[in-house]
Amino acid sequence: MKNAVKLAIKYLLSGISLGCTFFVIMCLSYSLLGGEDILMRICKDFTRQAVGAMLIGIACGSTSVVYQFERPSALGKVTIHFCVGMGVFYPTGIYLGWIPFYPDRIFLTIVQFLCSCSIFMIIWFCFHLFNRKEATKINQRLWELERDNTSDKR
């Protein structure tokens, strides 16, 4: 139980960190690329904007804890992570004005949602590739250690 609490806190804090990091990167991008008007809107409502970024970070980062369990299947884990992440991101993005919402132009709203899903999937895929590469490095090192231990016993 103690390990589960530690794991939950670790994922919670890494989610907050992830949300804050992306928030700062976006603000820096606006600043460097001439989006001062957007940046000023964020600054005027900084507390809500920052809390929204942390909330999204928690939803996307913390739910990645599902990959630590044997069940559900890999597709089920991705589905849970995606649904919780998008279920928090999209409404929060609309509420905070990050994503324009056009109820009278449903096609545009659907396109925006699909773009958001695509961005989420790209970010997920980048993390997946990184973790896969790290696992390969760890497995290689374990194989080398095992090989060295076997040769030492002879």
C-alpha atoms as a PDB file:
ATOM      1  CA  MET A   1       0.000   0.000   0.000  1.00  0.00           C
ATOM      2  CA  LYS A   2       2.864   2.350   0.851  1.00  0.00           C
ATOM      3  CA  ASN A   3       4.380   1.805  -2.606  1.00  0.00           C
ATOM      4  CA  ALA A   4       1.029   2.538  -4.263  1.00  0.00           C
ATOM      5  CA  VAL A   5       0.791   5.878  -2.444  1.00  0.00           C
ATOM      6  CA  LYS A   6       4.373   6.744  -3.422  1.00  0.00           C
ATOM      7  CA  LEU A   7       3.619   5.820  -7.018  1.00  0.00           C
ATOM      8  CA  ALA A   8       0.438   7.910  -7.049  1.00  0.00           C
ATOM      9  CA  ILE A   9       2.266  10.929  -5.604  1.00  0.00           C
ATOM     10  CA  LYS A  10       5.090  10.495  -8.112  1.00  0.00           C
ATOM     11  CA  TYR A  11       2.666  10.490 -11.059  1.00  0.00           C
ATOM     12  CA  LEU A  12       0.658  13.375  -9.588  1.00  0.00           C
ATOM     13  CA  LEU A  13       3.742  15.553  -9.203  1.00  0.00           C
ATOM     14  CA  SER A  14       5.121  14.605 -12.603  1.00  0.00           C
ATOM     15  CA  GLY A  15       1.728  15.484 -14.118  1.00  0.00           C
ATOM     16  CA  ILE A  16       1.795  18.910 -12.478  1.00  0.00           C
ATOM     17  CA  SER A  17       5.360  19.376 -13.701  1.00  0.00           C
ATOM     18  CA  LEU A  18       4.370  18.344 -17.216  1.00  0.00           C
ATOM     19  CA  GLY A  19       1.425  20.753 -17.258  1.00  0.00           C
ATOM     20  CA  CYS A  20       3.528  23.655 -15.972  1.00  0.00           C
ATOM     21  CA  THR A  21       6.311  22.915 -18.451  1.00  0.00           C
ATOM     22  CA  PHE A  22       3.956  22.903 -21.437  1.00  0.00           C
ATOM     23  CA  PHE A  23       2.282  26.076 -20.125  1.00  0.00           C
ATOM     24  CA  VAL A  24       5.622  27.890 -19.922  1.00  0.00           C
ATOM     25  CA  ILE A  25       6.680  26.614 -23.355  1.00  0.00           C
ATOM     26  CA  MET A  26       3.430  27.884 -24.866  1.00  0.00           C
ATOM     27  CA  CYS A  27       3.807  31.277 -23.174  1.00  0.00           C
ATOM     28  CA  LEU A  28       7.408  31.534 -24.377  1.00  0.00           C
ATOM     29  CA  SER A  29       6.263  30.632 -27.888  1.00  0.00           C
ATOM     30  CA  TYR A  30       3.644  33.382 -27.819  1.00  0.00           C
ATOM     31  CA  SER A  31       6.226  35.838 -26.548  1.00  0.00           C
ATOM     32  CA  LEU A  32       8.855  34.949 -29.157  1.00  0.00           C
ATOM     33  CA  LEU A  33       6.493  34.595 -32.111  1.00  0.00           C
ATOM     34  CA  GLY A  34       4.572  37.819 -31.672  1.00  0.00           C
ATOM     35  CA  GLY A  35       1.503  36.558 -29.837  1.00  0.00           C
ATOM     36  CA  GLU A  36       1.537  39.330 -27.248  1.00  0.00           C
ATOM     37  CA  ASP A  37      -2.240  39.736 -27.382  1.00  0.00           C
ATOM     38  CA  ILE A  38      -2.751  36.072 -26.420  1.00  0.00           C
ATOM     39  CA  LEU A  39      -0.008  36.314 -23.800  1.00  0.00           C
ATOM     40  CA  MET A  40      -1.654  39.386 -22.264  1.00  0.00           C
ATOM     41  CA  ARG A  41      -4.995  37.539 -22.011  1.00  0.00           C
ATOM     42  CA  ILE A  42      -3.181  34.712 -20.219  1.00  0.00           C
ATOM     43  CA  CYS A  43      -1.438  37.149 -17.852  1.00  0.00           C
ATOM     44  CA  LYS A  44      -4.712  38.906 -16.964  1.00  0.00           C
ATOM     45  CA  ASP A  45      -6.185  35.563 -15.933  1.00  0.00           C
ATOM     46  CA  PHE A  46      -2.940  33.909 -14.847  1.00  0.00           C
ATOM     47  CA  THR A  47      -4.223  31.964 -11.831  1.00  0.00           C
ATOM     48  CA  ARG A  48      -7.019  30.198 -13.731  1.00  0.00           C
ATOM     49  CA  GLN A  49      -4.748  29.614 -16.726  1.00  0.00           C
ATOM     50  CA  ALA A  50      -1.958  28.098 -14.605  1.00  0.00           C
ATOM     51  CA  VAL A  51      -4.367  25.937 -12.596  1.00  0.00           C
ATOM     52  CA  GLY A  52      -5.935  24.757 -15.860  1.00  0.00           C
ATOM     53  CA  ALA A  53      -2.511  23.778 -17.205  1.00  0.00           C
ATOM     54  CA  MET A  54      -1.735  21.879 -13.995  1.00  0.00           C
ATOM     55  CA  LEU A  55      -5.135  20.162 -14.072  1.00  0.00           C
ATOM     56  CA  ILE A  56      -4.526  18.989 -17.630  1.00  0.00           C
ATOM     57  CA  GLY A  57      -1.016  17.883 -16.661  1.00  0.00           C
ATOM     58  CA  ILE A  58      -2.447  15.872 -13.793  1.00  0.00           C
ATOM     59  CA  ALA A  59      -5.096  14.278 -16.027  1.00  0.00           C
ATOM     60  CA  CYS A  60      -2.582  13.346 -18.735  1.00  0.00           C
ATOM     61  CA  GLY A  61       0.418  12.592 -16.511  1.00  0.00           C
ATOM     62  CA  SER A  62      -1.278  10.853 -13.607  1.00  0.00           C
ATOM     63  CA  THR A  63      -3.400   8.546 -15.705  1.00  0.00           C
ATOM     64  CA  SER A  64      -0.240   7.151 -17.254  1.00  0.00           C
ATOM     65  CA  VAL A  65      -0.011   5.126 -14.038  1.00  0.00           C
ATOM     66  CA  VAL A  66      -2.291   2.601 -15.795  1.00  0.00           C
ATOM     67  CA  TYR A  67       0.764   1.403 -17.733  1.00  0.00           C
ATOM     68  CA  GLN A  68       2.224   0.084 -14.454  1.00  0.00           C
ATOM     69  CA  PHE A  69      -0.497  -2.551 -14.077  1.00  0.00           C
ATOM     70  CA  GLU A  70      -0.864  -5.859 -15.867  1.00  0.00           C
ATOM     71  CA  ARG A  71      -4.536  -5.277 -16.603  1.00  0.00           C
ATOM     72  CA  PRO A  72      -6.231  -3.993 -18.725  1.00  0.00           C
ATOM     73  CA  SER A  73      -4.755  -4.803 -22.124  1.00  0.00           C
ATOM     74  CA  ALA A  74      -2.346  -2.379 -23.822  1.00  0.00           C
ATOM     75  CA  LEU A  75      -5.210  -1.013 -25.943  1.00  0.00           C
ATOM     76  CA  GLY A  76      -7.350  -0.629 -22.826  1.00  0.00           C
ATOM     77  CA  LYS A  77      -4.580   1.296 -21.082  1.00  0.00           C
ATOM     78  CA  VAL A  78      -4.147   3.638 -24.028  1.00  0.00           C
ATOM     79  CA  THR A  79      -7.922   4.112 -24.212  1.00  0.00           C
ATOM     80  CA  ILE A  80      -8.171   4.984 -20.504  1.00  0.00           C
ATOM     81  CA  HIS A  81      -5.227   7.380 -20.732  1.00  0.00           C
ATOM     82  CA  PHE A  82      -6.606   9.011 -23.889  1.00  0.00           C
ATOM     83  CA  CYS A  83     -10.205   9.346 -22.665  1.00  0.00           C
ATOM     84  CA  VAL A  84      -9.273  10.817 -19.291  1.00  0.00           C
ATOM     85  CA  GLY A  85      -6.659  13.130 -20.828  1.00  0.00           C
ATOM     86  CA  MET A  86      -8.932  14.401 -23.597  1.00  0.00           C
ATOM     87  CA  GLY A  87     -11.936  14.416 -21.278  1.00  0.00           C
ATOM     88  CA  VAL A  88     -10.149  16.963 -19.110  1.00  0.00           C
ATOM     89  CA  PHE A  89      -8.136  18.783 -21.791  1.00  0.00           C
ATOM     90  CA  TYR A  90     -10.880  19.640 -24.253  1.00  0.00           C
ATOM     91  CA  PRO A  91     -13.482  21.065 -21.822  1.00  0.00           C
ATOM     92  CA  THR A  92     -10.749  22.900 -19.882  1.00  0.00           C
ATOM     93  CA  GLY A  93      -9.305  24.292 -23.117  1.00  0.00           C
ATOM     94  CA  ILE A  94     -12.724  25.552 -24.190  1.00  0.00           C
ATOM     95  CA  TYR A  95     -13.494  26.989 -20.744  1.00  0.00           C
ATOM     96  CA  LEU A  96     -10.170  28.869 -20.576  1.00  0.00           C
ATOM     97  CA  GLY A  97     -10.402  30.101 -24.151  1.00  0.00           C
ATOM     98  CA  TRP A  98      -7.463  28.077 -25.460  1.00  0.00           C
ATOM     99  CA  ILE A  99      -9.762  26.374 -27.927  1.00  0.00           C
ATOM    100  CA  PRO A 100     -12.413  28.465 -29.676  1.00  0.00           C
ATOM    101  CA  PHE A 101     -15.835  26.853 -29.514  1.00  0.00           C
ATOM    102  CA  TYR A 102     -18.353  27.413 -32.306  1.00  0.00           C
ATOM    103  CA  PRO A 103     -21.666  25.733 -31.479  1.00  0.00           C
ATOM    104  CA  ASP A 104     -23.190  27.178 -34.644  1.00  0.00           C
ATOM    105  CA  ARG A 105     -20.355  25.755 -36.797  1.00  0.00           C
ATOM    106  CA  ILE A 106     -20.254  22.127 -35.714  1.00  0.00           C
ATOM    107  CA  PHE A 107     -17.882  21.084 -38.526  1.00  0.00           C
ATOM    108  CA  LEU A 108     -15.216  23.509 -37.248  1.00  0.00           C
ATOM    109  CA  THR A 109     -15.683  22.214 -33.710  1.00  0.00           C
ATOM    110  CA  ILE A 110     -15.227  18.628 -34.912  1.00  0.00           C
ATOM    111  CA  VAL A 111     -12.069  19.579 -36.845  1.00  0.00           C
ATOM    112  CA  GLN A 112     -10.655  21.288 -33.741  1.00  0.00           C
ATOM    113  CA  PHE A 113     -11.419  18.234 -31.640  1.00  0.00           C
ATOM    114  CA  LEU A 114      -9.714  15.955 -34.164  1.00  0.00           C
ATOM    115  CA  CYS A 115      -6.669  18.276 -34.197  1.00  0.00           C
ATOM    116  CA  SER A 116      -6.544  18.123 -30.394  1.00  0.00           C
ATOM    117  CA  CYS A 117      -6.758  14.322 -30.533  1.00  0.00           C
ATOM    118  CA  SER A 118      -3.952  14.250 -33.102  1.00  0.00           C
ATOM    119  CA  ILE A 119      -1.704  16.417 -30.923  1.00  0.00           C
ATOM    120  CA  PHE A 120      -2.426  14.191 -27.922  1.00  0.00           C
ATOM    121  CA  MET A 121      -1.555  11.094 -29.958  1.00  0.00           C
ATOM    122  CA  ILE A 122       1.676  12.637 -31.251  1.00  0.00           C
ATOM    123  CA  ILE A 123       2.774  13.539 -27.720  1.00  0.00           C
ATOM    124  CA  TRP A 124       1.811  10.061 -26.487  1.00  0.00           C
ATOM    125  CA  PHE A 125       3.741   8.438 -29.342  1.00  0.00           C
ATOM    126  CA  CYS A 126       6.867  10.504 -28.556  1.00  0.00           C
ATOM    127  CA  PHE A 127       6.733   9.384 -24.911  1.00  0.00           C
ATOM    128  CA  HIS A 128       6.145   5.805 -26.065  1.00  0.00           C
ATOM    129  CA  LEU A 129       9.220   5.878 -28.316  1.00  0.00           C
ATOM    130  CA  PHE A 130      11.334   7.404 -25.539  1.00  0.00           C
ATOM    131  CA  ASN A 131      10.238   4.774 -23.001  1.00  0.00           C
ATOM    132  CA  ARG A 132      10.773   1.974 -25.494  1.00  0.00           C
ATOM    133  CA  LYS A 133      14.303   3.215 -26.175  1.00  0.00           C
ATOM    134  CA  GLU A 134      15.018   3.382 -22.435  1.00  0.00           C
ATOM    135  CA  ALA A 135      13.675  -0.150 -21.943  1.00  0.00           C
ATOM    136  CA  THR A 136      15.954  -1.390 -24.723  1.00  0.00           C
ATOM    137  CA  LYS A 137      18.964   0.244 -23.044  1.00  0.00           C
ATOM    138  CA  ILE A 138      18.068  -1.277 -19.684  1.00  0.00           C
ATOM    139  CA  ASN A 139      17.522  -4.727 -21.197  1.00  0.00           C
ATOM    140  CA  GLN A 140      20.847  -4.496 -23.037  1.00  0.00           C
ATOM    141  CA  ARG A 141      22.639  -3.579 -19.819  1.00  0.00           C
ATOM    142  CA  LEU A 142      20.948  -6.432 -17.939  1.00  0.00           C
ATOM    143  CA  TRP A 143      21.984  -8.844 -20.693  1.00  0.00           C
ATOM    144  CA  GLU A 144      25.596  -7.607 -20.423  1.00  0.00           C
ATOM    145  CA  LEU A 145      25.571  -8.012 -16.629  1.00  0.00           C
ATOM    146  CA  GLU A 146      24.118 -11.502 -16.919  1.00  0.00           C
ATOM    147  CA  ARG A 147      26.712 -12.447 -19.520  1.00  0.00           C
ATOM    148  CA  ASP A 148      29.523 -11.094 -17.294  1.00  0.00           C
ATOM    149  CA  ASN A 149      28.197 -12.993 -14.264  1.00  0.00           C
ATOM    150  CA  THR A 150      28.007 -16.205 -16.289  1.00  0.00           C
ATOM    151  CA  SER A 151      31.583 -15.845 -17.543  1.00  0.00           C
ATOM    152  CA  ASP A 152      32.854 -15.065 -14.010  1.00  0.00           C
ATOM    153  CA  LYS A 153      31.391 -18.313 -12.654  1.00  0.00           C
ATOM    154  CA  ARG A 154      33.395 -20.428 -15.104  1.00  0.00           C
END
